[in-house]
Amino acid sequence: MAGSIIGFTAYVWLIHHESPTKVGTYAYVNPVVAVIVGYFLGGETVGPRTLLGTLLVLVSVIVITTTPAKKPAVPTLAKPLQELAER
């Protein structure tokens, strides 16, 4: 129960401080955390497929979180309207 409260609180805090794209990556990281906790605390075995999947998820999240956001394109009507306003 305490873990859920901490996780939800962290999620709400992130929503207010980061972009939705970055906040959405929590859904990919949570299973990775569960695998790690299961391995260390539950004595579960981790096979090569699980390790590969974990690596792919982590690399994807790193790419998502480190790629700079693109600036929105200027609408096509903005230039003609701006030129009219300058006259």
N, C-alpha and C. Protein backbone atom coordinates (compact mmCIF):
# COMPACT_ATOMS: atom_id res chain seq x y z
N MET A 1 0.83 -1.20 0.00
CA MET A 1 0.00 0.00 0.00
C MET A 1 0.87 1.26 0.00
N ALA A 2 1.90 1.26 0.81
CA ALA A 2 2.78 2.44 0.89
C ALA A 2 3.47 2.68 -0.45
N GLY A 3 3.87 1.61 -1.13
CA GLY A 3 4.52 1.75 -2.43
C GLY A 3 3.60 2.40 -3.46
N SER A 4 2.32 2.04 -3.42
CA SER A 4 1.35 2.63 -4.34
C SER A 4 1.17 4.12 -4.07
N ILE A 5 1.12 4.48 -2.80
CA ILE A 5 0.95 5.89 -2.44
C ILE A 5 2.17 6.70 -2.88
N ILE A 6 3.35 6.16 -2.65
CA ILE A 6 4.58 6.85 -3.06
C ILE A 6 4.63 6.98 -4.58
N GLY A 7 4.30 5.90 -5.28
CA GLY A 7 4.32 5.93 -6.74
C GLY A 7 3.32 6.92 -7.31
N PHE A 8 2.11 6.95 -6.76
CA PHE A 8 1.09 7.88 -7.25
C PHE A 8 1.48 9.32 -6.96
N THR A 9 2.03 9.56 -5.78
CA THR A 9 2.48 10.92 -5.42
C THR A 9 3.59 11.38 -6.38
N ALA A 10 4.53 10.50 -6.68
CA ALA A 10 5.60 10.84 -7.60
C ALA A 10 5.03 11.12 -9.00
N TYR A 11 4.06 10.34 -9.42
CA TYR A 11 3.42 10.53 -10.73
C TYR A 11 2.73 11.89 -10.81
N VAL A 12 1.98 12.25 -9.78
CA VAL A 12 1.28 13.54 -9.77
C VAL A 12 2.28 14.69 -9.78
N TRP A 13 3.35 14.56 -9.04
CA TRP A 13 4.39 15.59 -9.02
C TRP A 13 5.00 15.74 -10.42
N LEU A 14 5.29 14.62 -11.07
CA LEU A 14 5.87 14.66 -12.41
C LEU A 14 4.94 15.32 -13.42
N ILE A 15 3.65 15.04 -13.31
CA ILE A 15 2.67 15.63 -14.23
C ILE A 15 2.76 17.16 -14.19
N HIS A 16 3.02 17.70 -13.02
CA HIS A 16 3.09 19.15 -12.88
C HIS A 16 4.45 19.74 -13.27
N HIS A 17 5.48 18.91 -13.39
CA HIS A 17 6.82 19.43 -13.62
C HIS A 17 7.49 18.95 -14.91
N GLU A 18 6.91 18.03 -15.62
CA GLU A 18 7.52 17.49 -16.84
C GLU A 18 6.47 17.38 -17.95
N SER A 19 6.95 17.12 -19.15
CA SER A 19 6.04 16.96 -20.29
C SER A 19 5.32 15.62 -20.19
N PRO A 20 4.12 15.54 -20.76
CA PRO A 20 3.38 14.27 -20.72
C PRO A 20 4.14 13.11 -21.36
N THR A 21 4.95 13.40 -22.38
CA THR A 21 5.72 12.34 -23.03
C THR A 21 6.70 11.71 -22.04
N LYS A 22 7.39 12.54 -21.30
CA LYS A 22 8.35 12.03 -20.33
C LYS A 22 7.63 11.33 -19.18
N VAL A 23 6.52 11.89 -18.73
CA VAL A 23 5.79 11.28 -17.61
C VAL A 23 5.25 9.91 -18.02
N GLY A 24 4.86 9.77 -19.27
CA GLY A 24 4.32 8.50 -19.75
C GLY A 24 5.32 7.36 -19.73
N THR A 25 6.61 7.68 -19.66
CA THR A 25 7.61 6.62 -19.65
C THR A 25 7.58 5.78 -18.36
N TYR A 26 6.89 6.29 -17.33
CA TYR A 26 6.80 5.50 -16.09
C TYR A 26 6.16 4.15 -16.36
N ALA A 27 5.24 4.11 -17.30
CA ALA A 27 4.55 2.85 -17.60
C ALA A 27 5.51 1.81 -18.17
N TYR A 28 6.59 2.26 -18.79
CA TYR A 28 7.59 1.33 -19.33
C TYR A 28 8.61 0.93 -18.28
N VAL A 29 8.90 1.84 -17.37
CA VAL A 29 9.94 1.59 -16.36
C VAL A 29 9.40 0.71 -15.22
N ASN A 30 8.13 0.81 -14.90
CA ASN A 30 7.58 0.04 -13.77
C ASN A 30 7.81 -1.46 -13.89
N PRO A 31 7.59 -2.09 -15.04
CA PRO A 31 7.88 -3.53 -15.13
C PRO A 31 9.37 -3.85 -14.95
N VAL A 32 10.23 -2.95 -15.40
CA VAL A 32 11.67 -3.16 -15.22
C VAL A 32 12.01 -3.15 -13.74
N VAL A 33 11.43 -2.20 -13.01
CA VAL A 33 11.64 -2.14 -11.56
C VAL A 33 11.11 -3.40 -10.90
N ALA A 34 9.96 -3.88 -11.35
CA ALA A 34 9.39 -5.10 -10.78
C ALA A 34 10.30 -6.30 -11.01
N VAL A 35 10.89 -6.40 -12.19
CA VAL A 35 11.82 -7.50 -12.48
C VAL A 35 13.04 -7.41 -11.56
N ILE A 36 13.58 -6.22 -11.39
CA ILE A 36 14.76 -6.04 -10.54
C ILE A 36 14.44 -6.38 -9.08
N VAL A 37 13.30 -5.89 -8.60
CA VAL A 37 12.90 -6.19 -7.22
C VAL A 37 12.66 -7.69 -7.06
N GLY A 38 12.02 -8.30 -8.04
CA GLY A 38 11.79 -9.75 -7.98
C GLY A 38 13.08 -10.54 -7.95
N TYR A 39 14.06 -10.08 -8.70
CA TYR A 39 15.35 -10.78 -8.74
C TYR A 39 16.07 -10.66 -7.40
N PHE A 40 16.16 -9.45 -6.87
CA PHE A 40 16.93 -9.24 -5.65
C PHE A 40 16.19 -9.64 -4.38
N LEU A 41 14.90 -9.38 -4.32
CA LEU A 41 14.17 -9.66 -3.08
C LEU A 41 13.38 -10.97 -3.13
N GLY A 42 12.98 -11.39 -4.31
CA GLY A 42 12.15 -12.58 -4.42
C GLY A 42 12.87 -13.82 -4.89
N GLY A 43 14.14 -13.66 -5.24
CA GLY A 43 14.90 -14.81 -5.70
C GLY A 43 14.46 -15.35 -7.05
N GLU A 44 13.81 -14.53 -7.85
CA GLU A 44 13.35 -14.97 -9.17
C GLU A 44 14.53 -15.04 -10.14
N THR A 45 14.42 -15.93 -11.10
CA THR A 45 15.47 -16.03 -12.12
C THR A 45 15.16 -15.08 -13.27
N VAL A 46 16.21 -14.57 -13.87
CA VAL A 46 16.07 -13.65 -15.00
C VAL A 46 16.84 -14.26 -16.16
N GLY A 47 16.11 -14.58 -17.23
CA GLY A 47 16.73 -15.19 -18.39
C GLY A 47 17.23 -14.17 -19.40
N PRO A 48 17.87 -14.65 -20.45
CA PRO A 48 18.41 -13.75 -21.47
C PRO A 48 17.34 -12.91 -22.18
N ARG A 49 16.17 -13.48 -22.42
CA ARG A 49 15.10 -12.73 -23.07
C ARG A 49 14.62 -11.58 -22.19
N THR A 50 14.53 -11.84 -20.90
CA THR A 50 14.12 -10.79 -19.96
C THR A 50 15.17 -9.69 -19.90
N LEU A 51 16.43 -10.07 -19.88
CA LEU A 51 17.51 -9.08 -19.87
C LEU A 51 17.50 -8.24 -21.14
N LEU A 52 17.29 -8.88 -22.28
CA LEU A 52 17.23 -8.15 -23.55
C LEU A 52 16.05 -7.20 -23.57
N GLY A 53 14.90 -7.67 -23.13
CA GLY A 53 13.71 -6.81 -23.07
C GLY A 53 13.90 -5.63 -22.14
N THR A 54 14.52 -5.89 -20.99
CA THR A 54 14.79 -4.82 -20.03
C THR A 54 15.73 -3.79 -20.64
N LEU A 55 16.74 -4.26 -21.32
CA LEU A 55 17.70 -3.35 -21.96
C LEU A 55 17.02 -2.50 -23.03
N LEU A 56 16.18 -3.12 -23.84
CA LEU A 56 15.46 -2.37 -24.88
C LEU A 56 14.54 -1.31 -24.29
N VAL A 57 13.86 -1.66 -23.21
CA VAL A 57 12.97 -0.69 -22.56
C VAL A 57 13.78 0.48 -22.01
N LEU A 58 14.88 0.18 -21.33
CA LEU A 58 15.69 1.25 -20.75
C LEU A 58 16.30 2.15 -21.82
N VAL A 59 16.79 1.57 -22.91
CA VAL A 59 17.34 2.38 -24.00
C VAL A 59 16.25 3.26 -24.61
N SER A 60 15.06 2.72 -24.79
CA SER A 60 13.95 3.50 -25.36
C SER A 60 13.58 4.67 -24.46
N VAL A 61 13.52 4.43 -23.16
CA VAL A 61 13.18 5.50 -22.22
C VAL A 61 14.27 6.57 -22.23
N ILE A 62 15.52 6.16 -22.31
CA ILE A 62 16.62 7.13 -22.37
C ILE A 62 16.51 7.99 -23.63
N VAL A 63 16.19 7.36 -24.75
CA VAL A 63 16.04 8.12 -26.00
C VAL A 63 14.88 9.10 -25.89
N ILE A 64 13.77 8.66 -25.34
CA ILE A 64 12.60 9.54 -25.20
C ILE A 64 12.90 10.72 -24.29
N THR A 65 13.57 10.47 -23.19
CA THR A 65 13.78 11.53 -22.21
C THR A 65 14.93 12.47 -22.56
N THR A 66 15.84 12.06 -23.41
CA THR A 66 16.97 12.92 -23.74
C THR A 66 16.84 13.63 -25.08
N THR A 67 15.89 13.23 -25.90
CA THR A 67 15.69 13.88 -27.19
C THR A 67 15.02 15.24 -26.95
N PRO A 68 15.62 16.32 -27.48
CA PRO A 68 15.01 17.64 -27.27
C PRO A 68 13.66 17.74 -27.98
N ALA A 69 12.77 18.50 -27.38
CA ALA A 69 11.44 18.68 -27.96
C ALA A 69 11.55 19.55 -29.21
N LYS A 70 10.78 19.19 -30.21
CA LYS A 70 10.76 19.98 -31.45
C LYS A 70 9.89 21.21 -31.24
N LYS A 71 10.31 22.32 -31.83
CA LYS A 71 9.50 23.52 -31.78
C LYS A 71 8.33 23.35 -32.74
N PRO A 72 7.14 23.83 -32.35
CA PRO A 72 6.00 23.70 -33.26
C PRO A 72 6.22 24.52 -34.53
N ALA A 73 5.74 23.98 -35.62
CA ALA A 73 5.87 24.67 -36.91
C ALA A 73 4.99 25.91 -36.92
N VAL A 74 5.46 26.93 -37.61
CA VAL A 74 4.69 28.17 -37.73
C VAL A 74 3.54 27.91 -38.70
N PRO A 75 2.33 28.23 -38.30
CA PRO A 75 1.20 28.02 -39.21
C PRO A 75 1.39 28.83 -40.49
N THR A 76 0.88 28.30 -41.60
CA THR A 76 1.06 28.94 -42.90
C THR A 76 0.35 30.28 -42.99
N LEU A 77 -0.70 30.50 -42.23
CA LEU A 77 -1.43 31.76 -42.28
C LEU A 77 -0.75 32.84 -41.44
N ALA A 78 0.14 32.48 -40.59
CA ALA A 78 0.75 33.46 -39.69
C ALA A 78 1.55 34.50 -40.44
N LYS A 79 2.30 34.10 -41.46
CA LYS A 79 3.13 35.05 -42.21
C LYS A 79 2.27 36.08 -42.97
N PRO A 80 1.29 35.64 -43.77
CA PRO A 80 0.47 36.65 -44.48
C PRO A 80 -0.26 37.57 -43.50
N LEU A 81 -0.75 37.05 -42.40
CA LEU A 81 -1.45 37.89 -41.43
C LEU A 81 -0.49 38.86 -40.78
N GLN A 82 0.73 38.42 -40.52
CA GLN A 82 1.72 39.30 -39.93
C GLN A 82 2.09 40.42 -40.91
N GLU A 83 2.21 40.09 -42.19
CA GLU A 83 2.52 41.09 -43.20
C GLU A 83 1.40 42.13 -43.31
N LEU A 84 0.14 41.66 -43.22
CA LEU A 84 -0.99 42.60 -43.25
C LEU A 84 -0.96 43.51 -42.03
N ALA A 85 -0.60 42.98 -40.90
CA ALA A 85 -0.58 43.77 -39.68
C ALA A 85 0.53 44.83 -39.72
N GLU A 86 1.61 44.55 -40.46
CA GLU A 86 2.71 45.49 -40.53
C GLU A 86 2.43 46.65 -41.48
N ARG A 87 1.46 46.53 -42.35
CA ARG A 87 1.14 47.59 -43.34
C ARG A 87 0.51 48.77 -42.71
